[in-house]
Amino acid sequence: MSMKGWAVTAGLGVAAGAVAVLMMPRNNPTRRLAARAADKVEDAAWKVSDTIHDKLDDLDF
């Protein structure tokens, strides 16, 4: 399987898993765990974005 095929297959699997989690009741422990994980990933993405932005601001063009 090529890398492109693997990426598409993995993406579809992740999407199907996300849909399954979202269909669960809000008080389901799995859904709450997924929400906390998503919050942590979002926080990490913002920190990386802020760091890159700060480093680019420090450069003189």
PDB file of N, CA and C in Angstrom:
ATOM      1  N   MET A   1       0.854  -1.171   0.000  1.00  0.00           N
ATOM      2  CA  MET A   1       0.000   0.000   0.000  1.00  0.00           C
ATOM      3  C   MET A   1       0.899   1.233   0.000  1.00  0.00           C
ATOM      4  N   SER A   2       0.554   2.177  -0.826  1.00  0.00           N
ATOM      5  CA  SER A   2       1.355   3.403  -0.900  1.00  0.00           C
ATOM      6  C   SER A   2       1.088   4.281   0.323  1.00  0.00           C
ATOM      7  N   MET A   3       1.937   5.247   0.523  1.00  0.00           N
ATOM      8  CA  MET A   3       1.778   6.159   1.654  1.00  0.00           C
ATOM      9  C   MET A   3       0.469   6.931   1.537  1.00  0.00           C
ATOM     10  N   LYS A   4       0.119   7.313   0.318  1.00  0.00           N
ATOM     11  CA  LYS A   4      -1.124   8.063   0.110  1.00  0.00           C
ATOM     12  C   LYS A   4      -2.330   7.208   0.501  1.00  0.00           C
ATOM     13  N   GLY A   5      -2.320   5.943   0.086  1.00  0.00           N
ATOM     14  CA  GLY A   5      -3.416   5.043   0.436  1.00  0.00           C
ATOM     15  C   GLY A   5      -3.504   4.808   1.925  1.00  0.00           C
ATOM     16  N   TRP A   6      -2.340   4.657   2.565  1.00  0.00           N
ATOM     17  CA  TRP A   6      -2.325   4.463   4.007  1.00  0.00           C
ATOM     18  C   TRP A   6      -2.891   5.685   4.717  1.00  0.00           C
ATOM     19  N   ALA A   7      -2.502   6.886   4.269  1.00  0.00           N
ATOM     20  CA  ALA A   7      -2.969   8.121   4.898  1.00  0.00           C
ATOM     21  C   ALA A   7      -4.480   8.271   4.758  1.00  0.00           C
ATOM     22  N   VAL A   8      -5.006   7.945   3.592  1.00  0.00           N
ATOM     23  CA  VAL A   8      -6.455   8.036   3.376  1.00  0.00           C
ATOM     24  C   VAL A   8      -7.181   7.042   4.279  1.00  0.00           C
ATOM     25  N   THR A   9      -6.665   5.824   4.352  1.00  0.00           N
ATOM     26  CA  THR A   9      -7.286   4.799   5.194  1.00  0.00           C
ATOM     27  C   THR A   9      -7.253   5.212   6.665  1.00  0.00           C
ATOM     28  N   ALA A  10      -6.118   5.712   7.123  1.00  0.00           N
ATOM     29  CA  ALA A  10      -6.003   6.153   8.514  1.00  0.00           C
ATOM     30  C   ALA A  10      -6.938   7.326   8.785  1.00  0.00           C
ATOM     31  N   GLY A  11      -7.023   8.251   7.848  1.00  0.00           N
ATOM     32  CA  GLY A  11      -7.916   9.400   8.015  1.00  0.00           C
ATOM     33  C   GLY A  11      -9.371   8.988   8.108  1.00  0.00           C
ATOM     34  N   LEU A  12      -9.772   8.038   7.284  1.00  0.00           N
ATOM     35  CA  LEU A  12     -11.149   7.550   7.340  1.00  0.00           C
ATOM     36  C   LEU A  12     -11.423   6.842   8.664  1.00  0.00           C
ATOM     37  N   GLY A  13     -10.450   6.100   9.158  1.00  0.00           N
ATOM     38  CA  GLY A  13     -10.611   5.430  10.445  1.00  0.00           C
ATOM     39  C   GLY A  13     -10.756   6.420  11.594  1.00  0.00           C
ATOM     40  N   VAL A  14      -9.952   7.449  11.559  1.00  0.00           N
ATOM     41  CA  VAL A  14     -10.037   8.481  12.607  1.00  0.00           C
ATOM     42  C   VAL A  14     -11.386   9.192  12.530  1.00  0.00           C
ATOM     43  N   ALA A  15     -11.831   9.512  11.329  1.00  0.00           N
ATOM     44  CA  ALA A  15     -13.127  10.189  11.165  1.00  0.00           C
ATOM     45  C   ALA A  15     -14.263   9.305  11.671  1.00  0.00           C
ATOM     46  N   ALA A  16     -14.223   8.024  11.347  1.00  0.00           N
ATOM     47  CA  ALA A  16     -15.276   7.112  11.814  1.00  0.00           C
ATOM     48  C   ALA A  16     -15.262   7.008  13.336  1.00  0.00           C
ATOM     49  N   GLY A  17     -14.080   6.953  13.924  1.00  0.00           N
ATOM     50  CA  GLY A  17     -13.976   6.906  15.385  1.00  0.00           C
ATOM     51  C   GLY A  17     -14.503   8.173  16.031  1.00  0.00           C
ATOM     52  N   ALA A  18     -14.210   9.318  15.423  1.00  0.00           N
ATOM     53  CA  ALA A  18     -14.688  10.592  15.958  1.00  0.00           C
ATOM     54  C   ALA A  18     -16.214  10.656  15.909  1.00  0.00           C
ATOM     55  N   VAL A  19     -16.792  10.193  14.812  1.00  0.00           N
ATOM     56  CA  VAL A  19     -18.258  10.184  14.692  1.00  0.00           C
ATOM     57  C   VAL A  19     -18.859   9.278  15.759  1.00  0.00           C
ATOM     58  N   ALA A  20     -18.252   8.123  15.985  1.00  0.00           N
ATOM     59  CA  ALA A  20     -18.762   7.194  17.005  1.00  0.00           C
ATOM     60  C   ALA A  20     -18.704   7.826  18.391  1.00  0.00           C
ATOM     61  N   VAL A  21     -17.620   8.528  18.693  1.00  0.00           N
ATOM     62  CA  VAL A  21     -17.494   9.171  20.003  1.00  0.00           C
ATOM     63  C   VAL A  21     -18.517  10.288  20.141  1.00  0.00           C
ATOM     64  N   LEU A  22     -18.737  11.058  19.079  1.00  0.00           N
ATOM     65  CA  LEU A  22     -19.692  12.158  19.155  1.00  0.00           C
ATOM     66  C   LEU A  22     -21.129  11.670  19.295  1.00  0.00           C
ATOM     67  N   MET A  23     -21.400  10.453  18.886  1.00  0.00           N
ATOM     68  CA  MET A  23     -22.750   9.905  19.012  1.00  0.00           C
ATOM     69  C   MET A  23     -23.035   9.411  20.432  1.00  0.00           C
ATOM     70  N   MET A  24     -22.010   9.311  21.249  1.00  0.00           N
ATOM     71  CA  MET A  24     -22.191   8.858  22.631  1.00  0.00           C
ATOM     72  C   MET A  24     -22.820   9.972  23.463  1.00  0.00           C
ATOM     73  N   PRO A  25     -23.498   9.601  24.553  1.00  0.00           N
ATOM     74  CA  PRO A  25     -24.044  10.637  25.448  1.00  0.00           C
ATOM     75  C   PRO A  25     -22.921  11.481  26.052  1.00  0.00           C
ATOM     76  N   ARG A  26     -23.240  12.719  26.387  1.00  0.00           N
ATOM     77  CA  ARG A  26     -22.223  13.640  26.919  1.00  0.00           C
ATOM     78  C   ARG A  26     -21.603  13.157  28.228  1.00  0.00           C
ATOM     79  N   ASN A  27     -22.331  12.398  29.010  1.00  0.00           N
ATOM     80  CA  ASN A  27     -21.792  11.952  30.299  1.00  0.00           C
ATOM     81  C   ASN A  27     -21.029  10.636  30.185  1.00  0.00           C
ATOM     82  N   ASN A  28     -20.836  10.125  28.990  1.00  0.00           N
ATOM     83  CA  ASN A  28     -20.080   8.894  28.767  1.00  0.00           C
ATOM     84  C   ASN A  28     -18.602   9.151  29.052  1.00  0.00           C
ATOM     85  N   PRO A  29     -17.961   8.286  29.825  1.00  0.00           N
ATOM     86  CA  PRO A  29     -16.545   8.502  30.166  1.00  0.00           C
ATOM     87  C   PRO A  29     -15.629   8.556  28.942  1.00  0.00           C
ATOM     88  N   THR A  30     -15.931   7.774  27.926  1.00  0.00           N
ATOM     89  CA  THR A  30     -15.106   7.786  26.719  1.00  0.00           C
ATOM     90  C   THR A  30     -15.197   9.130  26.023  1.00  0.00           C
ATOM     91  N   ARG A  31     -16.403   9.675  25.961  1.00  0.00           N
ATOM     92  CA  ARG A  31     -16.574  10.981  25.318  1.00  0.00           C
ATOM     93  C   ARG A  31     -15.874  12.076  26.121  1.00  0.00           C
ATOM     94  N   ARG A  32     -15.969  11.997  27.443  1.00  0.00           N
ATOM     95  CA  ARG A  32     -15.287  13.005  28.263  1.00  0.00           C
ATOM     96  C   ARG A  32     -13.775  12.911  28.112  1.00  0.00           C
ATOM     97  N   LEU A  33     -13.253  11.696  28.033  1.00  0.00           N
ATOM     98  CA  LEU A  33     -11.819  11.501  27.836  1.00  0.00           C
ATOM     99  C   LEU A  33     -11.393  12.057  26.474  1.00  0.00           C
ATOM    100  N   ALA A  34     -12.187  11.798  25.446  1.00  0.00           N
ATOM    101  CA  ALA A  34     -11.880  12.319  24.112  1.00  0.00           C
ATOM    102  C   ALA A  34     -11.912  13.846  24.096  1.00  0.00           C
ATOM    103  N   ALA A  35     -12.846  14.433  24.819  1.00  0.00           N
ATOM    104  CA  ALA A  35     -12.929  15.896  24.878  1.00  0.00           C
ATOM    105  C   ALA A  35     -11.705  16.486  25.570  1.00  0.00           C
ATOM    106  N   ARG A  36     -11.258  15.848  26.659  1.00  0.00           N
ATOM    107  CA  ARG A  36     -10.055  16.331  27.351  1.00  0.00           C
ATOM    108  C   ARG A  36      -8.827  16.200  26.458  1.00  0.00           C
ATOM    109  N   ALA A  37      -8.733  15.091  25.734  1.00  0.00           N
ATOM    110  CA  ALA A  37      -7.603  14.899  24.824  1.00  0.00           C
ATOM    111  C   ALA A  37      -7.619  15.952  23.720  1.00  0.00           C
ATOM    112  N   ALA A  38      -8.789  16.241  23.191  1.00  0.00           N
ATOM    113  CA  ALA A  38      -8.900  17.256  22.139  1.00  0.00           C
ATOM    114  C   ALA A  38      -8.508  18.631  22.670  1.00  0.00           C
ATOM    115  N   ASP A  39      -8.897  18.936  23.903  1.00  0.00           N
ATOM    116  CA  ASP A  39      -8.511  20.218  24.510  1.00  0.00           C
ATOM    117  C   ASP A  39      -6.999  20.324  24.660  1.00  0.00           C
ATOM    118  N   LYS A  40      -6.347  19.227  25.066  1.00  0.00           N
ATOM    119  CA  LYS A  40      -4.891  19.248  25.227  1.00  0.00           C
ATOM    120  C   LYS A  40      -4.189  19.417  23.884  1.00  0.00           C
ATOM    121  N   VAL A  41      -4.701  18.756  22.859  1.00  0.00           N
ATOM    122  CA  VAL A  41      -4.111  18.896  21.526  1.00  0.00           C
ATOM    123  C   VAL A  41      -4.275  20.324  21.034  1.00  0.00           C
ATOM    124  N   GLU A  42      -5.445  20.907  21.268  1.00  0.00           N
ATOM    125  CA  GLU A  42      -5.675  22.294  20.854  1.00  0.00           C
ATOM    126  C   GLU A  42      -4.727  23.246  21.584  1.00  0.00           C
ATOM    127  N   ASP A  43      -4.547  23.057  22.886  1.00  0.00           N
ATOM    128  CA  ASP A  43      -3.624  23.892  23.657  1.00  0.00           C
ATOM    129  C   ASP A  43      -2.200  23.774  23.123  1.00  0.00           C
ATOM    130  N   ALA A  44      -1.777  22.556  22.818  1.00  0.00           N
ATOM    131  CA  ALA A  44      -0.430  22.351  22.287  1.00  0.00           C
ATOM    132  C   ALA A  44      -0.269  23.023  20.931  1.00  0.00           C
ATOM    133  N   ALA A  45      -1.294  22.938  20.098  1.00  0.00           N
ATOM    134  CA  ALA A  45      -1.229  23.576  18.776  1.00  0.00           C
ATOM    135  C   ALA A  45      -1.117  25.095  18.916  1.00  0.00           C
ATOM    136  N   TRP A  46      -1.859  25.672  19.861  1.00  0.00           N
ATOM    137  CA  TRP A  46      -1.775  27.120  20.068  1.00  0.00           C
ATOM    138  C   TRP A  46      -0.383  27.521  20.565  1.00  0.00           C
ATOM    139  N   LYS A  47       0.193  26.716  21.474  1.00  0.00           N
ATOM    140  CA  LYS A  47       1.527  27.031  21.983  1.00  0.00           C
ATOM    141  C   LYS A  47       2.565  26.987  20.867  1.00  0.00           C
ATOM    142  N   VAL A  48       2.475  25.976  20.018  1.00  0.00           N
ATOM    143  CA  VAL A  48       3.407  25.876  18.889  1.00  0.00           C
ATOM    144  C   VAL A  48       3.221  27.058  17.960  1.00  0.00           C
ATOM    145  N   SER A  49       1.979  27.401  17.667  1.00  0.00           N
ATOM    146  CA  SER A  49       1.690  28.528  16.783  1.00  0.00           C
ATOM    147  C   SER A  49       2.241  29.832  17.365  1.00  0.00           C
ATOM    148  N   ASP A  50       2.030  30.036  18.654  1.00  0.00           N
ATOM    149  CA  ASP A  50       2.540  31.252  19.302  1.00  0.00           C
ATOM    150  C   ASP A  50       4.067  31.298  19.263  1.00  0.00           C
ATOM    151  N   THR A  51       4.722  30.159  19.508  1.00  0.00           N
ATOM    152  CA  THR A  51       6.183  30.101  19.482  1.00  0.00           C
ATOM    153  C   THR A  51       6.712  30.433  18.089  1.00  0.00           C
ATOM    154  N   ILE A  52       6.112  29.837  17.075  1.00  0.00           N
ATOM    155  CA  ILE A  52       6.540  30.119  15.697  1.00  0.00           C
ATOM    156  C   ILE A  52       6.321  31.593  15.378  1.00  0.00           C
ATOM    157  N   HIS A  53       5.192  32.123  15.775  1.00  0.00           N
ATOM    158  CA  HIS A  53       4.893  33.539  15.506  1.00  0.00           C
ATOM    159  C   HIS A  53       5.911  34.443  16.194  1.00  0.00           C
ATOM    160  N   ASP A  54       6.235  34.138  17.457  1.00  0.00           N
ATOM    161  CA  ASP A  54       7.217  34.949  18.187  1.00  0.00           C
ATOM    162  C   ASP A  54       8.595  34.877  17.535  1.00  0.00           C
ATOM    163  N   LYS A  55       8.994  33.688  17.114  1.00  0.00           N
ATOM    164  CA  LYS A  55      10.313  33.542  16.473  1.00  0.00           C
ATOM    165  C   LYS A  55      10.360  34.293  15.150  1.00  0.00           C
ATOM    166  N   LEU A  56       9.271  34.275  14.393  1.00  0.00           N
ATOM    167  CA  LEU A  56       9.246  34.990  13.117  1.00  0.00           C
ATOM    168  C   LEU A  56       9.247  36.505  13.353  1.00  0.00           C
ATOM    169  N   ASP A  57       8.624  36.952  14.430  1.00  0.00           N
ATOM    170  CA  ASP A  57       8.625  38.388  14.748  1.00  0.00           C
ATOM    171  C   ASP A  57      10.035  38.864  15.113  1.00  0.00           C
ATOM    172  N   ASP A  58      10.844  37.977  15.693  1.00  0.00           N
ATOM    173  CA  ASP A  58      12.186  38.342  16.116  1.00  0.00           C
ATOM    174  C   ASP A  58      13.159  38.466  14.926  1.00  0.00           C
ATOM    175  N   LEU A  59      12.810  37.846  13.819  1.00  0.00           N
ATOM    176  CA  LEU A  59      13.689  37.898  12.640  1.00  0.00           C
ATOM    177  C   LEU A  59      13.581  39.256  11.958  1.00  0.00           C
ATOM    178  N   ASP A  60      14.691  39.721  11.447  1.00  0.00           N
ATOM    179  CA  ASP A  60      14.707  40.971  10.677  1.00  0.00           C
ATOM    180  C   ASP A  60      14.795  40.626   9.209  1.00  0.00           C
ATOM    181  N   PHE A  61      13.821  41.065   8.459  1.00  0.00           N
ATOM    182  CA  PHE A  61      13.840  40.813   7.013  1.00  0.00           C
ATOM    183  C   PHE A  61      14.243  42.057   6.283  1.00  0.00           C
TER     184      PHE A  61
END
